[in-house]
Amino acid sequence: MAELEYFLLTATLTAIVVDYTDTGDTPDQQRISGTIEFRPRIRTGKLLWCPTLTPPQGIALAPIKARFDTDGVLRTIQDAPVNEIQRVTVTGDPFTLTYNGQTTSNIPQGATAATVETTLEALSTVGVSNANVTGPDGGPYDVTFNDALGDQDVPQMTATNATVTTTRAGTLAAGVKLTAGTDVLGLGTYDPASKSGGLIYDVIFSNVVYNKGLQEIHPFAFVAEPDWAGTTVDLAEVEKIDPAPNIG
């Protein structure tokens, strides 16, 4: 059964700017924020007739809009990073928590959320301000990993005299899924001489901010290769080609 296939495109943008933040004169690396559009190089309104799809159908490939957040990471407009939450249910007195190989001191069964937070943040694998603990005295406690441990999938804690469950997994929500240029689209293979064929995406930037102001990043294009289907591709590593003549 033939079907459309996709790849996950990831990227992080960094600008080299004048030294603002520390002593010395070595240029700083600063994350870039902005919006980005991946525009298939197919005439607007044109349908790709795909008789080998199951069922056969016409496909319109619309432009995909995404963004670079202030962390410089590429993600789709609707996605946002998520801080992980783990719930601790106390079953005995005292209890301990272990995170990434380090174990807390004994915590009284009826401890306040603030006590649990302070004890947990005393671990070097956690650190101050990287965990926020809420809940009634004695629990259950909800541990939200944030700041340096936020926006990512973190190791699950283990415990003595307590159970730990992940109630919300953390994620950076990074990347954008795009259609791969597989044979079902009927676009052929890219020809460098004529600069045509295959599935080409023009990449267009707008609202770009770094170095304390609005900036510009010139557009470019790339070919979505058939063998990218089902893989993760780093935008920094793809071969760039010239954008369409009417872009930039």
C-alpha atoms as a PDB file:
ATOM      1  CA  MET A   1       0.000   0.000   0.000  1.00  0.00           C
ATOM      2  CA  ALA A   2       1.579   3.278  -1.137  1.00  0.00           C
ATOM      3  CA  GLU A   3       1.251   6.302   1.130  1.00  0.00           C
ATOM      4  CA  LEU A   4       2.795   9.710   1.699  1.00  0.00           C
ATOM      5  CA  GLU A   5       5.937   9.649   3.813  1.00  0.00           C
ATOM      6  CA  TYR A   6       7.486  12.345   5.978  1.00  0.00           C
ATOM      7  CA  PHE A   7      10.756  13.352   7.600  1.00  0.00           C
ATOM      8  CA  LEU A   8      11.473  15.384  10.746  1.00  0.00           C
ATOM      9  CA  LEU A   9      13.566  18.482  10.065  1.00  0.00           C
ATOM     10  CA  THR A  10      15.445  19.875  13.075  1.00  0.00           C
ATOM     11  CA  ALA A  11      17.597  22.971  13.489  1.00  0.00           C
ATOM     12  CA  THR A  12      19.087  25.401  15.988  1.00  0.00           C
ATOM     13  CA  LEU A  13      20.062  28.914  14.899  1.00  0.00           C
ATOM     14  CA  THR A  14      22.865  30.863  16.564  1.00  0.00           C
ATOM     15  CA  ALA A  15      24.300  34.280  15.723  1.00  0.00           C
ATOM     16  CA  ILE A  16      27.859  35.375  16.454  1.00  0.00           C
ATOM     17  CA  VAL A  17      27.522  38.880  17.900  1.00  0.00           C
ATOM     18  CA  VAL A  18      29.662  41.489  19.631  1.00  0.00           C
ATOM     19  CA  ASP A  19      30.553  40.654  23.241  1.00  0.00           C
ATOM     20  CA  TYR A  20      27.790  42.001  25.488  1.00  0.00           C
ATOM     21  CA  THR A  21      27.581  39.681  28.461  1.00  0.00           C
ATOM     22  CA  ASP A  22      30.999  38.988  29.946  1.00  0.00           C
ATOM     23  CA  THR A  23      34.516  40.335  30.316  1.00  0.00           C
ATOM     24  CA  GLY A  24      36.864  40.348  27.360  1.00  0.00           C
ATOM     25  CA  ASP A  25      36.152  40.938  23.708  1.00  0.00           C
ATOM     26  CA  THR A  26      35.438  37.429  22.399  1.00  0.00           C
ATOM     27  CA  PRO A  27      32.204  37.501  20.356  1.00  0.00           C
ATOM     28  CA  ASP A  28      29.146  35.920  21.983  1.00  0.00           C
ATOM     29  CA  GLN A  29      26.901  33.214  20.595  1.00  0.00           C
ATOM     30  CA  GLN A  30      23.284  34.346  20.724  1.00  0.00           C
ATOM     31  CA  ARG A  31      20.167  32.369  19.838  1.00  0.00           C
ATOM     32  CA  ILE A  32      18.094  33.587  16.903  1.00  0.00           C
ATOM     33  CA  SER A  33      14.309  33.857  17.025  1.00  0.00           C
ATOM     34  CA  GLY A  34      11.944  34.346  14.117  1.00  0.00           C
ATOM     35  CA  THR A  35       9.451  32.694  11.807  1.00  0.00           C
ATOM     36  CA  ILE A  36      10.243  30.425   8.892  1.00  0.00           C
ATOM     37  CA  GLU A  37       8.275  29.117   5.931  1.00  0.00           C
ATOM     38  CA  PHE A  38       8.980  25.918   4.008  1.00  0.00           C
ATOM     39  CA  ARG A  39       7.397  26.530   0.601  1.00  0.00           C
ATOM     40  CA  PRO A  40       7.168  23.563  -1.812  1.00  0.00           C
ATOM     41  CA  ARG A  41       8.313  24.683  -5.251  1.00  0.00           C
ATOM     42  CA  ILE A  42       5.036  23.762  -6.885  1.00  0.00           C
ATOM     43  CA  ARG A  43       2.784  26.250  -8.617  1.00  0.00           C
ATOM     44  CA  THR A  44       0.147  27.648  -6.258  1.00  0.00           C
ATOM     45  CA  GLY A  45      -3.125  25.766  -6.592  1.00  0.00           C
ATOM     46  CA  LYS A  46      -1.601  22.860  -8.508  1.00  0.00           C
ATOM     47  CA  LEU A  47      -2.621  19.354  -7.509  1.00  0.00           C
ATOM     48  CA  LEU A  48      -0.162  16.490  -7.688  1.00  0.00           C
ATOM     49  CA  TRP A  49      -2.060  13.563  -9.140  1.00  0.00           C
ATOM     50  CA  CYS A  50      -0.802  10.465  -7.351  1.00  0.00           C
ATOM     51  CA  PRO A  51      -2.356   7.339  -8.916  1.00  0.00           C
ATOM     52  CA  THR A  52      -0.084   4.979  -6.969  1.00  0.00           C
ATOM     53  CA  LEU A  53      -1.357   6.198  -3.594  1.00  0.00           C
ATOM     54  CA  THR A  54      -3.879   4.019  -1.789  1.00  0.00           C
ATOM     55  CA  PRO A  55      -6.476   5.185  -2.631  1.00  0.00           C
ATOM     56  CA  PRO A  56      -5.405   7.204  -5.710  1.00  0.00           C
ATOM     57  CA  GLN A  57      -5.851  10.919  -5.046  1.00  0.00           C
ATOM     58  CA  GLY A  58      -4.749  14.446  -5.803  1.00  0.00           C
ATOM     59  CA  ILE A  59      -2.435  16.121  -3.284  1.00  0.00           C
ATOM     60  CA  ALA A  60      -1.941  19.847  -2.703  1.00  0.00           C
ATOM     61  CA  LEU A  61       1.302  20.600  -0.869  1.00  0.00           C
ATOM     62  CA  ALA A  62       0.755  23.778   1.119  1.00  0.00           C
ATOM     63  CA  PRO A  63       3.557  25.904   2.620  1.00  0.00           C
ATOM     64  CA  ILE A  64       4.466  24.900   6.182  1.00  0.00           C
ATOM     65  CA  LYS A  65       5.061  27.700   8.668  1.00  0.00           C
ATOM     66  CA  ALA A  66       7.189  27.244  11.764  1.00  0.00           C
ATOM     67  CA  ARG A  67       9.217  29.308  14.204  1.00  0.00           C
ATOM     68  CA  PHE A  68      12.518  29.627  15.984  1.00  0.00           C
ATOM     69  CA  ASP A  69      11.804  30.388  19.651  1.00  0.00           C
ATOM     70  CA  THR A  70      14.128  32.470  21.823  1.00  0.00           C
ATOM     71  CA  ASP A  71      16.052  29.247  22.481  1.00  0.00           C
ATOM     72  CA  GLY A  72      16.905  29.137  18.766  1.00  0.00           C
ATOM     73  CA  VAL A  73      15.162  25.778  18.290  1.00  0.00           C
ATOM     74  CA  LEU A  74      13.002  25.069  15.240  1.00  0.00           C
ATOM     75  CA  ARG A  75       9.476  23.893  16.013  1.00  0.00           C
ATOM     76  CA  THR A  76       6.006  24.112  14.510  1.00  0.00           C
ATOM     77  CA  ILE A  77       3.790  27.077  15.331  1.00  0.00           C
ATOM     78  CA  GLN A  78       1.398  25.113  17.537  1.00  0.00           C
ATOM     79  CA  ASP A  79       4.013  23.150  19.490  1.00  0.00           C
ATOM     80  CA  ALA A  80       5.643  24.452  22.653  1.00  0.00           C
ATOM     81  CA  PRO A  81       8.206  23.018  25.058  1.00  0.00           C
ATOM     82  CA  VAL A  82       6.769  21.069  27.988  1.00  0.00           C
ATOM     83  CA  ASN A  83       8.187  20.774  31.511  1.00  0.00           C
ATOM     84  CA  GLU A  84       8.046  17.255  32.939  1.00  0.00           C
ATOM     85  CA  ILE A  85       5.931  16.523  36.031  1.00  0.00           C
ATOM     86  CA  GLN A  86       6.568  13.513  38.282  1.00  0.00           C
ATOM     87  CA  ARG A  87       4.243  12.633  41.182  1.00  0.00           C
ATOM     88  CA  VAL A  88       5.632  11.317  44.469  1.00  0.00           C
ATOM     89  CA  THR A  89       3.269   9.310  46.694  1.00  0.00           C
ATOM     90  CA  VAL A  90       4.708   8.628  50.147  1.00  0.00           C
ATOM     91  CA  THR A  91       4.243   5.137  51.612  1.00  0.00           C
ATOM     92  CA  GLY A  92       6.552   5.195  54.647  1.00  0.00           C
ATOM     93  CA  ASP A  93       8.577   7.300  57.059  1.00  0.00           C
ATOM     94  CA  PRO A  94      11.116   8.613  56.257  1.00  0.00           C
ATOM     95  CA  PHE A  95      11.397   8.557  52.476  1.00  0.00           C
ATOM     96  CA  THR A  96      14.152   9.456  50.021  1.00  0.00           C
ATOM     97  CA  LEU A  97      14.264  10.443  46.368  1.00  0.00           C
ATOM     98  CA  THR A  98      16.984   9.562  43.876  1.00  0.00           C
ATOM     99  CA  TYR A  99      17.534  11.582  40.705  1.00  0.00           C
ATOM    100  CA  ASN A 100      20.160  10.770  38.098  1.00  0.00           C
ATOM    101  CA  GLY A 101      22.302   8.741  40.498  1.00  0.00           C
ATOM    102  CA  GLN A 102      22.129  10.966  43.578  1.00  0.00           C
ATOM    103  CA  THR A 103      19.925  10.354  46.626  1.00  0.00           C
ATOM    104  CA  THR A 104      18.466  12.915  49.006  1.00  0.00           C
ATOM    105  CA  SER A 105      18.777  12.879  52.760  1.00  0.00           C
ATOM    106  CA  ASN A 106      15.841  11.401  54.694  1.00  0.00           C
ATOM    107  CA  ILE A 107      12.616  13.367  54.291  1.00  0.00           C
ATOM    108  CA  PRO A 108       9.894  13.123  56.993  1.00  0.00           C
ATOM    109  CA  GLN A 109       6.657  11.511  55.844  1.00  0.00           C
ATOM    110  CA  GLY A 110       4.625  14.633  56.665  1.00  0.00           C
ATOM    111  CA  ALA A 111       7.053  17.117  55.079  1.00  0.00           C
ATOM    112  CA  THR A 112       5.837  20.251  53.361  1.00  0.00           C
ATOM    113  CA  ALA A 113       6.256  20.696  49.634  1.00  0.00           C
ATOM    114  CA  ALA A 114       8.834  23.411  50.343  1.00  0.00           C
ATOM    115  CA  THR A 115      10.915  20.967  52.407  1.00  0.00           C
ATOM    116  CA  VAL A 116      10.815  18.362  49.650  1.00  0.00           C
ATOM    117  CA  GLU A 117      11.811  20.998  47.082  1.00  0.00           C
ATOM    118  CA  THR A 118      14.762  22.264  49.124  1.00  0.00           C
ATOM    119  CA  THR A 119      15.983  18.724  49.793  1.00  0.00           C
ATOM    120  CA  LEU A 120      15.670  17.723  46.154  1.00  0.00           C
ATOM    121  CA  GLU A 121      17.407  20.855  44.871  1.00  0.00           C
ATOM    122  CA  ALA A 122      20.339  20.151  47.215  1.00  0.00           C
ATOM    123  CA  LEU A 123      21.338  17.370  44.806  1.00  0.00           C
ATOM    124  CA  SER A 124      23.945  18.534  42.297  1.00  0.00           C
ATOM    125  CA  THR A 125      22.098  16.583  39.605  1.00  0.00           C
ATOM    126  CA  VAL A 126      19.055  18.804  40.197  1.00  0.00           C
ATOM    127  CA  GLY A 127      20.287  22.199  41.424  1.00  0.00           C
ATOM    128  CA  VAL A 128      18.604  25.299  42.787  1.00  0.00           C
ATOM    129  CA  SER A 129      15.475  26.511  40.919  1.00  0.00           C
ATOM    130  CA  ASN A 130      15.378  23.463  38.642  1.00  0.00           C
ATOM    131  CA  ALA A 131      12.511  21.703  40.463  1.00  0.00           C
ATOM    132  CA  ASN A 132       9.231  23.110  41.733  1.00  0.00           C
ATOM    133  CA  VAL A 133       7.340  20.957  44.255  1.00  0.00           C
ATOM    134  CA  THR A 134       3.647  21.438  45.036  1.00  0.00           C
ATOM    135  CA  GLY A 135       1.132  19.471  47.095  1.00  0.00           C
ATOM    136  CA  PRO A 136      -0.223  19.104  50.635  1.00  0.00           C
ATOM    137  CA  ASP A 137       1.885  18.199  53.660  1.00  0.00           C
ATOM    138  CA  GLY A 138       2.646  14.495  53.369  1.00  0.00           C
ATOM    139  CA  GLY A 139       1.918  14.462  49.647  1.00  0.00           C
ATOM    140  CA  PRO A 140       1.254  13.403  47.074  1.00  0.00           C
ATOM    141  CA  TYR A 141       3.791  15.875  45.693  1.00  0.00           C
ATOM    142  CA  ASP A 142       4.014  17.037  42.105  1.00  0.00           C
ATOM    143  CA  VAL A 143       7.611  17.744  41.066  1.00  0.00           C
ATOM    144  CA  THR A 144       7.841  19.998  38.008  1.00  0.00           C
ATOM    145  CA  PHE A 145      11.287  20.121  36.412  1.00  0.00           C
ATOM    146  CA  ASN A 146      12.026  23.580  35.018  1.00  0.00           C
ATOM    147  CA  ASP A 147      14.795  26.045  34.145  1.00  0.00           C
ATOM    148  CA  ALA A 148      17.916  23.966  33.353  1.00  0.00           C
ATOM    149  CA  LEU A 149      15.889  20.741  33.553  1.00  0.00           C
ATOM    150  CA  GLY A 150      12.839  22.120  31.764  1.00  0.00           C
ATOM    151  CA  ASP A 151      11.622  21.564  28.227  1.00  0.00           C
ATOM    152  CA  GLN A 152      13.049  18.058  27.999  1.00  0.00           C
ATOM    153  CA  ASP A 153      12.491  14.414  28.836  1.00  0.00           C
ATOM    154  CA  VAL A 154      14.289  13.934  32.165  1.00  0.00           C
ATOM    155  CA  PRO A 155      15.175  10.688  33.995  1.00  0.00           C
ATOM    156  CA  GLN A 156      12.438   9.383  36.268  1.00  0.00           C
ATOM    157  CA  MET A 157      13.170   9.605  39.971  1.00  0.00           C
ATOM    158  CA  THR A 158      13.237   6.503  42.126  1.00  0.00           C
ATOM    159  CA  ALA A 159      12.409   6.405  45.815  1.00  0.00           C
ATOM    160  CA  THR A 160      12.444   4.505  49.075  1.00  0.00           C
ATOM    161  CA  ASN A 161       9.160   4.453  51.029  1.00  0.00           C
ATOM    162  CA  ALA A 162       7.483   6.243  48.118  1.00  0.00           C
ATOM    163  CA  THR A 163       6.363   5.644  44.558  1.00  0.00           C
ATOM    164  CA  VAL A 164       7.089   7.925  41.599  1.00  0.00           C
ATOM    165  CA  THR A 165       5.028   8.191  38.415  1.00  0.00           C
ATOM    166  CA  THR A 166       5.457  10.510  35.450  1.00  0.00           C
ATOM    167  CA  THR A 167       2.176  12.377  34.968  1.00  0.00           C
ATOM    168  CA  ARG A 168       3.427  14.577  32.116  1.00  0.00           C
ATOM    169  CA  ALA A 169       6.501  13.794  30.071  1.00  0.00           C
ATOM    170  CA  GLY A 170       8.794  16.686  29.241  1.00  0.00           C
ATOM    171  CA  THR A 171       9.658  17.517  25.685  1.00  0.00           C
ATOM    172  CA  LEU A 172      11.456  20.149  23.677  1.00  0.00           C
ATOM    173  CA  ALA A 173       8.844  19.675  20.924  1.00  0.00           C
ATOM    174  CA  ALA A 174      11.601  20.272  18.414  1.00  0.00           C
ATOM    175  CA  GLY A 175      11.456  19.920  14.662  1.00  0.00           C
ATOM    176  CA  VAL A 176       8.998  20.197  11.795  1.00  0.00           C
ATOM    177  CA  LYS A 177       7.565  17.287   9.803  1.00  0.00           C
ATOM    178  CA  LEU A 178       7.704  17.767   6.045  1.00  0.00           C
ATOM    179  CA  THR A 179       6.707  15.589   3.107  1.00  0.00           C
ATOM    180  CA  ALA A 180       9.562  13.552   1.652  1.00  0.00           C
ATOM    181  CA  GLY A 181      10.084  13.536  -2.112  1.00  0.00           C
ATOM    182  CA  THR A 182       9.176   9.892  -2.630  1.00  0.00           C
ATOM    183  CA  ASP A 183       8.166   8.366  -5.965  1.00  0.00           C
ATOM    184  CA  VAL A 184       4.432   8.495  -5.182  1.00  0.00           C
ATOM    185  CA  LEU A 185       4.492  12.265  -5.806  1.00  0.00           C
ATOM    186  CA  GLY A 186       5.572  11.750  -9.404  1.00  0.00           C
ATOM    187  CA  LEU A 187       8.025  14.675  -9.345  1.00  0.00           C
ATOM    188  CA  GLY A 188      11.030  12.775 -10.652  1.00  0.00           C
ATOM    189  CA  THR A 189      14.625  13.426  -9.599  1.00  0.00           C
ATOM    190  CA  TYR A 190      16.280  16.792  -9.066  1.00  0.00           C
ATOM    191  CA  ASP A 191      18.467  17.891 -11.995  1.00  0.00           C
ATOM    192  CA  PRO A 192      21.193  20.376 -10.916  1.00  0.00           C
ATOM    193  CA  ALA A 193      21.655  21.618 -14.490  1.00  0.00           C
ATOM    194  CA  SER A 194      18.053  22.721 -14.983  1.00  0.00           C
ATOM    195  CA  LYS A 195      17.452  23.238 -11.253  1.00  0.00           C
ATOM    196  CA  SER A 196      14.180  21.371 -11.550  1.00  0.00           C
ATOM    197  CA  GLY A 197      12.619  18.040 -10.670  1.00  0.00           C
ATOM    198  CA  GLY A 198      12.152  16.421  -7.307  1.00  0.00           C
ATOM    199  CA  LEU A 199      10.474  18.022  -4.306  1.00  0.00           C
ATOM    200  CA  ILE A 200      12.203  21.334  -3.572  1.00  0.00           C
ATOM    201  CA  TYR A 201      11.457  23.444  -0.511  1.00  0.00           C
ATOM    202  CA  ASP A 202      12.241  27.158  -0.562  1.00  0.00           C
ATOM    203  CA  VAL A 203      13.120  28.337   2.958  1.00  0.00           C
ATOM    204  CA  ILE A 204      12.008  31.892   3.767  1.00  0.00           C
ATOM    205  CA  PHE A 205      12.732  33.741   7.015  1.00  0.00           C
ATOM    206  CA  SER A 206      10.830  36.656   8.568  1.00  0.00           C
ATOM    207  CA  ASN A 207      10.634  38.527  11.895  1.00  0.00           C
ATOM    208  CA  VAL A 208      14.236  37.530  12.607  1.00  0.00           C
ATOM    209  CA  VAL A 209      15.629  38.914  15.868  1.00  0.00           C
ATOM    210  CA  TYR A 210      19.176  38.759  17.237  1.00  0.00           C
ATOM    211  CA  ASN A 211      21.866  41.211  18.312  1.00  0.00           C
ATOM    212  CA  LYS A 212      19.144  43.295  20.007  1.00  0.00           C
ATOM    213  CA  GLY A 213      17.169  44.051  16.866  1.00  0.00           C
ATOM    214  CA  LEU A 214      15.426  42.947  13.678  1.00  0.00           C
ATOM    215  CA  GLN A 215      17.784  41.234  11.253  1.00  0.00           C
ATOM    216  CA  GLU A 216      17.681  39.432   7.924  1.00  0.00           C
ATOM    217  CA  ILE A 217      18.518  35.879   6.895  1.00  0.00           C
ATOM    218  CA  HIS A 218      18.645  35.299   3.156  1.00  0.00           C
ATOM    219  CA  PRO A 219      16.412  32.550   1.755  1.00  0.00           C
ATOM    220  CA  PHE A 220      17.710  29.305   0.328  1.00  0.00           C
ATOM    221  CA  ALA A 221      16.272  26.002  -0.847  1.00  0.00           C
ATOM    222  CA  PHE A 222      16.890  22.284  -0.497  1.00  0.00           C
ATOM    223  CA  VAL A 223      15.724  19.064  -2.119  1.00  0.00           C
ATOM    224  CA  ALA A 224      13.685  16.686   0.059  1.00  0.00           C
ATOM    225  CA  GLU A 225      15.360  13.423  -0.892  1.00  0.00           C
ATOM    226  CA  PRO A 226      13.270  10.233  -1.161  1.00  0.00           C
ATOM    227  CA  ASP A 227      15.464   8.367   1.346  1.00  0.00           C
ATOM    228  CA  TRP A 228      14.745  10.972   4.031  1.00  0.00           C
ATOM    229  CA  ALA A 229      11.360   9.328   4.587  1.00  0.00           C
ATOM    230  CA  GLY A 230      11.000   8.246   8.212  1.00  0.00           C
ATOM    231  CA  THR A 231      14.282   9.870   9.291  1.00  0.00           C
ATOM    232  CA  THR A 232      15.405  12.957  11.215  1.00  0.00           C
ATOM    233  CA  VAL A 233      17.353  15.499   9.156  1.00  0.00           C
ATOM    234  CA  ASP A 234      19.423  18.401  10.518  1.00  0.00           C
ATOM    235  CA  LEU A 235      18.905  21.554   8.462  1.00  0.00           C
ATOM    236  CA  ALA A 236      22.552  22.497   9.034  1.00  0.00           C
ATOM    237  CA  GLU A 237      23.677  19.375   7.176  1.00  0.00           C
ATOM    238  CA  VAL A 238      21.458  19.470   4.093  1.00  0.00           C
ATOM    239  CA  GLU A 239      22.870  20.699   0.788  1.00  0.00           C
ATOM    240  CA  LYS A 240      21.596  24.215   0.094  1.00  0.00           C
ATOM    241  CA  ILE A 241      20.626  25.345  -3.388  1.00  0.00           C
ATOM    242  CA  ASP A 242      19.528  28.723  -4.752  1.00  0.00           C
ATOM    243  CA  PRO A 243      15.995  29.860  -3.911  1.00  0.00           C
ATOM    244  CA  ALA A 244      13.402  30.362  -6.625  1.00  0.00           C
ATOM    245  CA  PRO A 245      14.047  33.507  -8.737  1.00  0.00           C
ATOM    246  CA  ASN A 246      11.075  35.380  -7.266  1.00  0.00           C
ATOM    247  CA  ILE A 247      12.221  34.825  -3.667  1.00  0.00           C
ATOM    248  CA  GLY A 248      14.744  37.078  -1.960  1.00  0.00           C
END
